[in-house]
Amino acid sequence: LRDMTEQKRAELALKTLAAKDALTGLANRRSFDQAIEMEWARAERSGRPLALLFADVDHFKLFNDNHGHRAGSLTLREVAEVIVMSAREADFVARYGGDEFVLMLPETTSKRALQMAERVPACIAEYRFTGGVGAEIHLTASFGVASYPEHASEAEKLIELADAAMYEAKQRNKNNVRLAVS
């Protein structure tokens, strides 16, 4: 019986490792891919909206070059915490890769998602990151927003449009939000 309990604990630990980003503790890309498929199906069945926010930390490569990768990693953890604190309980927050994050907002229109997308970068800009070295580091982030059914009729297209809107925000002076164009 004890061996079975230990095996179940080990299986649970492996599942957790497979679903979480090791650096930030957020859901990882694999978990996001699974979650968006489930939320997409739910949104289609219910006819309710689903919004997606893509975020990218501005000038993060320069930050790593100036402060080192250890400070960069610790700062990404802090960014993740700020994003989670800014999100609602029902929202799904994941590290998409590198310094990119994604927020999936069930039952949220693009208008409401835009309001949130404007609030989160403001929280990031106001926060003083330490980089694990006690520094006072100022960061900003650029956000892209897309929603179902307004912008996309497929989950992959929703991801693509939110990502493209985020890149447009980065090209427009960074530290701002852009709504997808369908």
N, C-alpha and C. Protein backbone atom coordinates (compact mmCIF):
# COMPACT_ATOMS: atom_id res chain seq x y z
N LEU A 1 0.84 -1.20 0.00
CA LEU A 1 0.00 0.00 0.00
C LEU A 1 0.88 1.26 0.00
N ARG A 2 1.95 1.24 0.79
CA ARG A 2 2.85 2.39 0.85
C ARG A 2 3.51 2.63 -0.51
N ASP A 3 3.89 1.55 -1.20
CA ASP A 3 4.49 1.69 -2.53
C ASP A 3 3.51 2.32 -3.51
N MET A 4 2.22 1.93 -3.41
CA MET A 4 1.21 2.51 -4.31
C MET A 4 1.03 4.00 -4.03
N THR A 5 1.04 4.38 -2.76
CA THR A 5 0.90 5.78 -2.39
C THR A 5 2.09 6.59 -2.92
N GLU A 6 3.29 6.06 -2.76
CA GLU A 6 4.48 6.75 -3.27
C GLU A 6 4.43 6.87 -4.79
N GLN A 7 3.95 5.83 -5.46
CA GLN A 7 3.83 5.87 -6.92
C GLN A 7 2.83 6.94 -7.36
N LYS A 8 1.70 7.03 -6.65
CA LYS A 8 0.70 8.06 -6.98
C LYS A 8 1.28 9.46 -6.76
N ARG A 9 2.03 9.64 -5.70
CA ARG A 9 2.67 10.94 -5.45
C ARG A 9 3.66 11.28 -6.56
N ALA A 10 4.41 10.29 -6.98
CA ALA A 10 5.39 10.50 -8.05
C ALA A 10 4.68 10.83 -9.36
N GLU A 11 3.58 10.16 -9.65
CA GLU A 11 2.81 10.44 -10.87
C GLU A 11 2.24 11.86 -10.83
N LEU A 12 1.72 12.25 -9.68
CA LEU A 12 1.19 13.61 -9.53
C LEU A 12 2.29 14.65 -9.70
N ALA A 13 3.46 14.38 -9.13
CA ALA A 13 4.59 15.30 -9.28
C ALA A 13 5.00 15.43 -10.74
N LEU A 14 5.01 14.32 -11.47
CA LEU A 14 5.35 14.37 -12.90
C LEU A 14 4.32 15.16 -13.70
N LYS A 15 3.04 14.96 -13.38
CA LYS A 15 1.99 15.71 -14.07
C LYS A 15 2.15 17.21 -13.82
N THR A 16 2.46 17.56 -12.58
CA THR A 16 2.67 18.98 -12.24
C THR A 16 3.86 19.54 -13.00
N LEU A 17 4.95 18.81 -13.03
CA LEU A 17 6.14 19.26 -13.77
C LEU A 17 5.85 19.44 -15.25
N ALA A 18 5.04 18.56 -15.80
CA ALA A 18 4.72 18.63 -17.23
C ALA A 18 3.80 19.80 -17.56
N ALA A 19 3.06 20.31 -16.57
CA ALA A 19 2.08 21.35 -16.82
C ALA A 19 2.55 22.75 -16.43
N LYS A 20 3.57 22.84 -15.59
CA LYS A 20 4.02 24.13 -15.07
C LYS A 20 5.34 24.56 -15.68
N ASP A 21 5.47 25.86 -15.85
CA ASP A 21 6.74 26.44 -16.27
C ASP A 21 7.66 26.43 -15.06
N ALA A 22 8.83 25.83 -15.22
CA ALA A 22 9.74 25.65 -14.09
C ALA A 22 10.23 26.99 -13.51
N LEU A 23 10.36 28.01 -14.34
CA LEU A 23 10.89 29.28 -13.87
C LEU A 23 9.84 30.10 -13.11
N THR A 24 8.67 30.27 -13.71
CA THR A 24 7.67 31.19 -13.16
C THR A 24 6.62 30.51 -12.30
N GLY A 25 6.45 29.22 -12.46
CA GLY A 25 5.38 28.52 -11.76
C GLY A 25 4.03 28.65 -12.43
N LEU A 26 3.97 29.41 -13.52
CA LEU A 26 2.73 29.54 -14.27
C LEU A 26 2.50 28.28 -15.09
N ALA A 27 1.32 28.20 -15.68
CA ALA A 27 1.07 27.13 -16.65
C ALA A 27 2.08 27.31 -17.79
N ASN A 28 2.49 26.20 -18.39
CA ASN A 28 3.43 26.28 -19.51
C ASN A 28 2.68 26.26 -20.84
N ARG A 29 3.43 26.30 -21.92
CA ARG A 29 2.83 26.34 -23.26
C ARG A 29 1.96 25.12 -23.52
N ARG A 30 2.39 23.96 -23.10
CA ARG A 30 1.60 22.74 -23.30
C ARG A 30 0.26 22.86 -22.58
N SER A 31 0.27 23.34 -21.36
CA SER A 31 -0.97 23.51 -20.61
C SER A 31 -1.88 24.53 -21.28
N PHE A 32 -1.27 25.61 -21.77
CA PHE A 32 -2.06 26.63 -22.47
C PHE A 32 -2.72 26.03 -23.71
N ASP A 33 -1.96 25.27 -24.50
CA ASP A 33 -2.52 24.67 -25.72
C ASP A 33 -3.72 23.78 -25.39
N GLN A 34 -3.64 23.03 -24.32
CA GLN A 34 -4.76 22.18 -23.90
C GLN A 34 -5.92 23.02 -23.39
N ALA A 35 -5.62 24.03 -22.61
CA ALA A 35 -6.67 24.87 -22.01
C ALA A 35 -7.43 25.66 -23.07
N ILE A 36 -6.72 26.17 -24.07
CA ILE A 36 -7.44 26.97 -25.07
C ILE A 36 -8.37 26.10 -25.90
N GLU A 37 -7.99 24.87 -26.15
CA GLU A 37 -8.88 23.97 -26.88
C GLU A 37 -10.16 23.73 -26.08
N MET A 38 -10.02 23.51 -24.78
CA MET A 38 -11.20 23.30 -23.93
C MET A 38 -12.06 24.55 -23.84
N GLU A 39 -11.42 25.71 -23.63
CA GLU A 39 -12.18 26.96 -23.51
C GLU A 39 -12.83 27.34 -24.84
N TRP A 40 -12.13 27.04 -25.93
CA TRP A 40 -12.68 27.33 -27.25
C TRP A 40 -13.96 26.52 -27.47
N ALA A 41 -13.90 25.23 -27.17
CA ALA A 41 -15.08 24.38 -27.33
C ALA A 41 -16.22 24.87 -26.45
N ARG A 42 -15.91 25.27 -25.23
CA ARG A 42 -16.93 25.79 -24.32
C ARG A 42 -17.54 27.09 -24.87
N ALA A 43 -16.70 27.97 -25.39
CA ALA A 43 -17.20 29.24 -25.94
C ALA A 43 -18.10 28.99 -27.15
N GLU A 44 -17.69 28.07 -28.01
CA GLU A 44 -18.52 27.76 -29.18
C GLU A 44 -19.87 27.17 -28.77
N ARG A 45 -19.85 26.25 -27.80
CA ARG A 45 -21.10 25.62 -27.34
C ARG A 45 -22.03 26.64 -26.70
N SER A 46 -21.48 27.51 -25.87
CA SER A 46 -22.31 28.44 -25.10
C SER A 46 -22.63 29.72 -25.86
N GLY A 47 -21.85 30.02 -26.89
CA GLY A 47 -22.04 31.27 -27.61
C GLY A 47 -21.49 32.46 -26.85
N ARG A 48 -20.71 32.20 -25.82
CA ARG A 48 -20.12 33.27 -25.02
C ARG A 48 -18.75 33.63 -25.57
N PRO A 49 -18.31 34.87 -25.35
CA PRO A 49 -17.01 35.31 -25.89
C PRO A 49 -15.83 34.69 -25.14
N LEU A 50 -14.70 34.75 -25.80
CA LEU A 50 -13.43 34.31 -25.22
C LEU A 50 -12.37 35.27 -25.73
N ALA A 51 -11.64 35.87 -24.81
CA ALA A 51 -10.61 36.83 -25.21
C ALA A 51 -9.23 36.30 -24.86
N LEU A 52 -8.26 36.76 -25.62
CA LEU A 52 -6.87 36.36 -25.42
C LEU A 52 -6.00 37.60 -25.41
N LEU A 53 -5.12 37.69 -24.42
CA LEU A 53 -4.15 38.78 -24.32
C LEU A 53 -2.76 38.18 -24.45
N PHE A 54 -1.99 38.72 -25.36
CA PHE A 54 -0.58 38.34 -25.49
C PHE A 54 0.25 39.48 -24.93
N ALA A 55 1.25 39.15 -24.12
CA ALA A 55 2.11 40.17 -23.52
C ALA A 55 3.56 39.83 -23.78
N ASP A 56 4.34 40.86 -24.02
CA ASP A 56 5.79 40.70 -24.22
C ASP A 56 6.48 41.82 -23.45
N VAL A 57 7.46 41.44 -22.63
CA VAL A 57 8.21 42.43 -21.86
C VAL A 57 9.08 43.23 -22.83
N ASP A 58 8.98 44.53 -22.78
CA ASP A 58 9.72 45.41 -23.69
C ASP A 58 11.21 45.43 -23.34
N HIS A 59 12.04 45.39 -24.36
CA HIS A 59 13.50 45.50 -24.24
C HIS A 59 14.11 44.48 -23.29
N PHE A 60 13.54 43.28 -23.25
CA PHE A 60 14.03 42.31 -22.26
C PHE A 60 15.42 41.78 -22.60
N LYS A 61 15.75 41.68 -23.88
CA LYS A 61 17.10 41.23 -24.25
C LYS A 61 18.13 42.23 -23.72
N LEU A 62 17.85 43.51 -23.87
CA LEU A 62 18.74 44.55 -23.34
C LEU A 62 18.86 44.43 -21.82
N PHE A 63 17.73 44.15 -21.16
CA PHE A 63 17.75 43.96 -19.72
C PHE A 63 18.70 42.82 -19.34
N ASN A 64 18.58 41.69 -20.04
CA ASN A 64 19.46 40.55 -19.77
C ASN A 64 20.92 40.91 -20.02
N ASP A 65 21.16 41.64 -21.09
CA ASP A 65 22.54 42.04 -21.42
C ASP A 65 23.12 42.93 -20.33
N ASN A 66 22.31 43.81 -19.77
CA ASN A 66 22.79 44.75 -18.76
C ASN A 66 22.86 44.17 -17.35
N HIS A 67 21.93 43.28 -17.01
CA HIS A 67 21.83 42.79 -15.63
C HIS A 67 22.20 41.32 -15.47
N GLY A 68 22.33 40.59 -16.57
CA GLY A 68 22.66 39.17 -16.50
C GLY A 68 21.43 38.30 -16.54
N HIS A 69 21.64 37.05 -16.94
CA HIS A 69 20.52 36.14 -17.10
C HIS A 69 19.89 35.72 -15.78
N ARG A 70 20.66 35.64 -14.72
CA ARG A 70 20.09 35.30 -13.42
C ARG A 70 19.09 36.37 -13.00
N ALA A 71 19.49 37.63 -13.10
CA ALA A 71 18.57 38.72 -12.76
C ALA A 71 17.37 38.70 -13.70
N GLY A 72 17.60 38.37 -14.97
CA GLY A 72 16.50 38.28 -15.92
C GLY A 72 15.51 37.21 -15.53
N SER A 73 16.01 36.06 -15.13
CA SER A 73 15.12 34.97 -14.72
C SER A 73 14.31 35.35 -13.49
N LEU A 74 14.98 35.94 -12.51
CA LEU A 74 14.26 36.35 -11.30
C LEU A 74 13.24 37.43 -11.60
N THR A 75 13.56 38.30 -12.52
CA THR A 75 12.63 39.36 -12.90
C THR A 75 11.43 38.79 -13.64
N LEU A 76 11.64 37.78 -14.49
CA LEU A 76 10.50 37.14 -15.16
C LEU A 76 9.54 36.54 -14.14
N ARG A 77 10.08 35.99 -13.05
CA ARG A 77 9.23 35.48 -11.97
C ARG A 77 8.40 36.60 -11.39
N GLU A 78 9.03 37.76 -11.18
CA GLU A 78 8.30 38.90 -10.63
C GLU A 78 7.23 39.39 -11.61
N VAL A 79 7.56 39.43 -12.90
CA VAL A 79 6.58 39.83 -13.91
C VAL A 79 5.38 38.89 -13.85
N ALA A 80 5.65 37.60 -13.77
CA ALA A 80 4.57 36.61 -13.69
C ALA A 80 3.68 36.89 -12.49
N GLU A 81 4.27 37.22 -11.36
CA GLU A 81 3.49 37.52 -10.15
C GLU A 81 2.61 38.74 -10.34
N VAL A 82 3.15 39.77 -10.98
CA VAL A 82 2.36 40.98 -11.23
C VAL A 82 1.19 40.67 -12.15
N ILE A 83 1.44 39.88 -13.19
CA ILE A 83 0.36 39.53 -14.12
C ILE A 83 -0.72 38.73 -13.40
N VAL A 84 -0.32 37.75 -12.60
CA VAL A 84 -1.30 36.93 -11.87
C VAL A 84 -2.10 37.80 -10.91
N MET A 85 -1.45 38.72 -10.22
CA MET A 85 -2.16 39.62 -9.30
C MET A 85 -3.14 40.51 -10.04
N SER A 86 -2.87 40.81 -11.31
CA SER A 86 -3.73 41.67 -12.11
C SER A 86 -4.89 40.91 -12.75
N ALA A 87 -4.77 39.59 -12.82
CA ALA A 87 -5.78 38.77 -13.49
C ALA A 87 -6.92 38.43 -12.53
N ARG A 88 -8.03 38.05 -13.12
CA ARG A 88 -9.16 37.57 -12.33
C ARG A 88 -8.95 36.09 -12.01
N GLU A 89 -9.67 35.59 -11.03
CA GLU A 89 -9.52 34.20 -10.64
C GLU A 89 -9.86 33.24 -11.78
N ALA A 90 -10.82 33.59 -12.61
CA ALA A 90 -11.25 32.71 -13.71
C ALA A 90 -10.31 32.75 -14.92
N ASP A 91 -9.39 33.69 -14.94
CA ASP A 91 -8.49 33.83 -16.08
C ASP A 91 -7.38 32.79 -16.02
N PHE A 92 -6.89 32.42 -17.18
CA PHE A 92 -5.81 31.43 -17.29
C PHE A 92 -4.56 32.17 -17.73
N VAL A 93 -3.52 32.13 -16.91
CA VAL A 93 -2.27 32.84 -17.20
C VAL A 93 -1.17 31.81 -17.45
N ALA A 94 -0.43 32.00 -18.53
CA ALA A 94 0.65 31.06 -18.86
C ALA A 94 1.86 31.81 -19.39
N ARG A 95 3.00 31.19 -19.21
CA ARG A 95 4.21 31.68 -19.88
C ARG A 95 4.23 31.00 -21.24
N TYR A 96 4.17 31.82 -22.27
CA TYR A 96 4.10 31.29 -23.63
C TYR A 96 5.48 30.86 -24.11
N GLY A 97 6.48 31.61 -23.70
CA GLY A 97 7.87 31.31 -24.05
C GLY A 97 8.71 32.55 -23.85
N GLY A 98 9.98 32.38 -23.51
CA GLY A 98 10.86 33.53 -23.34
C GLY A 98 10.28 34.54 -22.38
N ASP A 99 10.08 35.77 -22.87
CA ASP A 99 9.48 36.82 -22.05
C ASP A 99 8.06 37.14 -22.52
N GLU A 100 7.41 36.15 -23.10
CA GLU A 100 6.03 36.30 -23.56
C GLU A 100 5.08 35.55 -22.63
N PHE A 101 3.97 36.21 -22.34
CA PHE A 101 2.93 35.63 -21.48
C PHE A 101 1.61 35.72 -22.21
N VAL A 102 0.69 34.86 -21.84
CA VAL A 102 -0.64 34.87 -22.44
C VAL A 102 -1.67 34.77 -21.33
N LEU A 103 -2.74 35.54 -21.49
CA LEU A 103 -3.86 35.50 -20.56
C LEU A 103 -5.10 35.14 -21.37
N MET A 104 -5.77 34.09 -20.95
CA MET A 104 -7.01 33.68 -21.60
C MET A 104 -8.14 34.09 -20.68
N LEU A 105 -9.09 34.84 -21.23
CA LEU A 105 -10.17 35.43 -20.44
C LEU A 105 -11.51 34.86 -20.89
N PRO A 106 -11.99 33.82 -20.21
CA PRO A 106 -13.29 33.25 -20.59
C PRO A 106 -14.42 34.24 -20.38
N GLU A 107 -15.43 34.13 -21.23
CA GLU A 107 -16.64 34.94 -21.14
C GLU A 107 -16.32 36.43 -21.06
N THR A 108 -15.36 36.85 -21.88
CA THR A 108 -14.92 38.25 -21.85
C THR A 108 -14.95 38.82 -23.27
N THR A 109 -15.63 39.94 -23.43
CA THR A 109 -15.68 40.60 -24.73
C THR A 109 -14.36 41.32 -25.00
N SER A 110 -14.17 41.73 -26.24
CA SER A 110 -12.95 42.45 -26.57
C SER A 110 -12.90 43.79 -25.84
N LYS A 111 -14.04 44.42 -25.64
CA LYS A 111 -14.07 45.71 -24.92
C LYS A 111 -13.57 45.52 -23.48
N ARG A 112 -14.06 44.49 -22.80
CA ARG A 112 -13.63 44.22 -21.43
C ARG A 112 -12.17 43.77 -21.40
N ALA A 113 -11.76 42.98 -22.39
CA ALA A 113 -10.37 42.52 -22.48
C ALA A 113 -9.43 43.70 -22.68
N LEU A 114 -9.84 44.68 -23.48
CA LEU A 114 -9.03 45.88 -23.68
C LEU A 114 -8.84 46.64 -22.37
N GLN A 115 -9.91 46.73 -21.57
CA GLN A 115 -9.79 47.40 -20.28
C GLN A 115 -8.77 46.69 -19.40
N MET A 116 -8.83 45.38 -19.39
CA MET A 116 -7.87 44.63 -18.59
C MET A 116 -6.47 44.78 -19.17
N ALA A 117 -6.37 44.72 -20.49
CA ALA A 117 -5.07 44.83 -21.14
C ALA A 117 -4.43 46.20 -20.90
N GLU A 118 -5.21 47.20 -20.62
CA GLU A 118 -4.65 48.50 -20.28
C GLU A 118 -4.24 48.57 -18.81
N ARG A 119 -4.94 47.82 -17.96
CA ARG A 119 -4.63 47.81 -16.54
C ARG A 119 -3.35 47.03 -16.24
N VAL A 120 -3.16 45.88 -16.87
CA VAL A 120 -2.00 45.03 -16.56
C VAL A 120 -0.68 45.71 -16.90
N PRO A 121 -0.53 46.32 -18.10
CA PRO A 121 0.75 47.00 -18.37
C PRO A 121 1.00 48.17 -17.42
N ALA A 122 -0.06 48.81 -16.97
CA ALA A 122 0.11 49.90 -16.01
C ALA A 122 0.65 49.34 -14.69
N CYS A 123 0.17 48.17 -14.29
CA CYS A 123 0.69 47.53 -13.06
C CYS A 123 2.15 47.17 -13.23
N ILE A 124 2.51 46.68 -14.39
CA ILE A 124 3.91 46.32 -14.65
C ILE A 124 4.78 47.57 -14.63
N ALA A 125 4.32 48.64 -15.28
CA ALA A 125 5.11 49.88 -15.35
C ALA A 125 5.29 50.52 -13.97
N GLU A 126 4.30 50.35 -13.08
CA GLU A 126 4.38 50.95 -11.75
C GLU A 126 5.21 50.13 -10.78
N TYR A 127 5.33 48.85 -11.04
CA TYR A 127 6.03 47.94 -10.14
C TYR A 127 7.53 48.18 -10.22
N ARG A 128 8.20 48.08 -9.10
CA ARG A 128 9.66 48.20 -9.08
C ARG A 128 10.24 46.81 -8.89
N PHE A 129 10.77 46.27 -9.97
CA PHE A 129 11.35 44.94 -9.97
C PHE A 129 12.73 44.99 -9.34
N THR A 130 13.12 43.91 -8.67
CA THR A 130 14.41 43.90 -7.98
C THR A 130 15.44 43.04 -8.71
N GLY A 131 14.99 42.15 -9.57
CA GLY A 131 15.92 41.27 -10.28
C GLY A 131 16.69 40.37 -9.34
N GLY A 132 16.20 40.23 -8.11
CA GLY A 132 16.87 39.38 -7.13
C GLY A 132 18.13 39.99 -6.56
N VAL A 133 18.44 41.20 -6.97
CA VAL A 133 19.68 41.84 -6.51
C VAL A 133 19.41 43.14 -5.76
N GLY A 134 18.15 43.38 -5.45
CA GLY A 134 17.80 44.58 -4.71
C GLY A 134 17.81 45.85 -5.54
N ALA A 135 17.94 45.71 -6.83
CA ALA A 135 17.93 46.88 -7.72
C ALA A 135 16.49 47.40 -7.82
N GLU A 136 16.34 48.58 -8.33
CA GLU A 136 15.01 49.12 -8.62
C GLU A 136 14.91 49.25 -10.13
N ILE A 137 14.26 48.27 -10.73
CA ILE A 137 14.24 48.15 -12.18
C ILE A 137 12.86 48.51 -12.71
N HIS A 138 12.84 49.36 -13.71
CA HIS A 138 11.60 49.79 -14.35
C HIS A 138 11.43 48.99 -15.65
N LEU A 139 10.29 48.33 -15.79
CA LEU A 139 9.98 47.57 -17.00
C LEU A 139 8.62 47.98 -17.54
N THR A 140 8.43 47.73 -18.82
CA THR A 140 7.13 47.90 -19.45
C THR A 140 6.84 46.66 -20.28
N ALA A 141 5.59 46.55 -20.73
CA ALA A 141 5.20 45.42 -21.57
C ALA A 141 4.21 45.89 -22.62
N SER A 142 4.23 45.21 -23.74
CA SER A 142 3.31 45.49 -24.83
C SER A 142 2.29 44.35 -24.91
N PHE A 143 1.03 44.70 -25.20
CA PHE A 143 -0.05 43.73 -25.20
C PHE A 143 -0.84 43.75 -26.50
N GLY A 144 -1.27 42.58 -26.91
CA GLY A 144 -2.18 42.42 -28.03
C GLY A 144 -3.43 41.71 -27.55
N VAL A 145 -4.58 42.10 -28.11
CA VAL A 145 -5.87 41.55 -27.69
C VAL A 145 -6.64 41.06 -28.90
N ALA A 146 -7.21 39.87 -28.78
CA ALA A 146 -8.12 39.34 -29.79
C ALA A 146 -9.22 38.58 -29.07
N SER A 147 -10.40 38.48 -29.70
CA SER A 147 -11.49 37.78 -29.05
C SER A 147 -12.32 36.98 -30.04
N TYR A 148 -13.01 36.00 -29.48
CA TYR A 148 -13.98 35.21 -30.20
C TYR A 148 -15.35 35.68 -29.75
N PRO A 149 -16.30 35.87 -30.59
CA PRO A 149 -16.31 35.61 -32.02
C PRO A 149 -15.92 36.81 -32.88
N GLU A 150 -15.62 37.92 -32.24
CA GLU A 150 -15.37 39.16 -32.99
C GLU A 150 -14.23 39.05 -34.00
N HIS A 151 -13.12 38.43 -33.62
CA HIS A 151 -11.95 38.43 -34.48
C HIS A 151 -11.64 37.09 -35.15
N ALA A 152 -12.01 36.01 -34.52
CA ALA A 152 -11.57 34.71 -35.04
C ALA A 152 -12.66 33.67 -34.91
N SER A 153 -12.64 32.72 -35.83
CA SER A 153 -13.59 31.60 -35.78
C SER A 153 -12.87 30.28 -35.52
N GLU A 154 -11.57 30.35 -35.24
CA GLU A 154 -10.78 29.16 -34.88
C GLU A 154 -9.79 29.56 -33.78
N ALA A 155 -9.47 28.62 -32.92
CA ALA A 155 -8.55 28.90 -31.81
C ALA A 155 -7.18 29.34 -32.31
N GLU A 156 -6.65 28.67 -33.30
CA GLU A 156 -5.32 29.03 -33.83
C GLU A 156 -5.31 30.45 -34.38
N LYS A 157 -6.40 30.84 -35.01
CA LYS A 157 -6.49 32.19 -35.57
C LYS A 157 -6.55 33.22 -34.44
N LEU A 158 -7.22 32.89 -33.35
CA LEU A 158 -7.29 33.78 -32.20
C LEU A 158 -5.88 34.03 -31.65
N ILE A 159 -5.12 32.96 -31.50
CA ILE A 159 -3.74 33.07 -31.02
C ILE A 159 -2.91 33.92 -31.98
N GLU A 160 -3.04 33.64 -33.25
CA GLU A 160 -2.28 34.36 -34.28
C GLU A 160 -2.59 35.86 -34.26
N LEU A 161 -3.87 36.20 -34.13
CA LEU A 161 -4.27 37.61 -34.15
C LEU A 161 -3.84 38.36 -32.88
N ALA A 162 -3.93 37.71 -31.73
CA ALA A 162 -3.48 38.35 -30.48
C ALA A 162 -1.97 38.58 -30.53
N ASP A 163 -1.25 37.61 -31.05
CA ASP A 163 0.21 37.72 -31.19
C ASP A 163 0.57 38.85 -32.15
N ALA A 164 -0.12 38.92 -33.29
CA ALA A 164 0.15 39.97 -34.26
C ALA A 164 -0.15 41.36 -33.69
N ALA A 165 -1.23 41.47 -32.91
CA ALA A 165 -1.57 42.75 -32.28
C ALA A 165 -0.50 43.15 -31.28
N MET A 166 0.05 42.17 -30.55
CA MET A 166 1.13 42.46 -29.60
C MET A 166 2.36 42.98 -30.34
N TYR A 167 2.70 42.37 -31.47
CA TYR A 167 3.85 42.85 -32.23
C TYR A 167 3.61 44.25 -32.78
N GLU A 168 2.38 44.55 -33.14
CA GLU A 168 2.06 45.91 -33.58
C GLU A 168 2.25 46.90 -32.43
N ALA A 169 1.84 46.50 -31.22
CA ALA A 169 2.04 47.35 -30.05
C ALA A 169 3.52 47.60 -29.82
N LYS A 170 4.34 46.59 -29.99
CA LYS A 170 5.79 46.74 -29.80
C LYS A 170 6.39 47.68 -30.84
N GLN A 171 5.85 47.65 -32.04
CA GLN A 171 6.37 48.53 -33.09
C GLN A 171 5.93 49.97 -32.89
N ARG A 172 4.88 50.18 -32.13
CA ARG A 172 4.36 51.53 -31.89
C ARG A 172 4.80 52.03 -30.52
N ASN A 173 6.07 52.20 -30.35
CA ASN A 173 6.64 52.78 -29.13
C ASN A 173 6.59 51.90 -27.89
N LYS A 174 6.15 50.68 -28.02
CA LYS A 174 6.10 49.75 -26.91
C LYS A 174 5.21 50.27 -25.79
N ASN A 175 5.10 49.50 -24.70
CA ASN A 175 4.31 49.89 -23.54
C ASN A 175 2.91 50.36 -23.91
N ASN A 176 2.28 49.65 -24.84
CA ASN A 176 0.90 49.97 -25.16
C ASN A 176 0.14 48.72 -25.55
N VAL A 177 -1.12 48.91 -25.90
CA VAL A 177 -2.04 47.81 -26.19
C VAL A 177 -2.63 48.02 -27.57
N ARG A 178 -2.74 46.93 -28.31
CA ARG A 178 -3.38 46.98 -29.63
C ARG A 178 -4.43 45.90 -29.71
N LEU A 179 -5.55 46.25 -30.32
CA LEU A 179 -6.63 45.31 -30.58
C LEU A 179 -6.43 44.70 -31.95
N ALA A 180 -6.68 43.42 -32.06
CA ALA A 180 -6.52 42.72 -33.33
C ALA A 180 -7.45 43.28 -34.40
N VAL A 181 -7.01 43.14 -35.62
CA VAL A 181 -7.82 43.50 -36.77
C VAL A 181 -8.16 42.20 -37.47
N SER A 182 -9.46 41.91 -37.57
CA SER A 182 -9.85 40.63 -38.18
C SER A 182 -9.94 40.73 -39.68
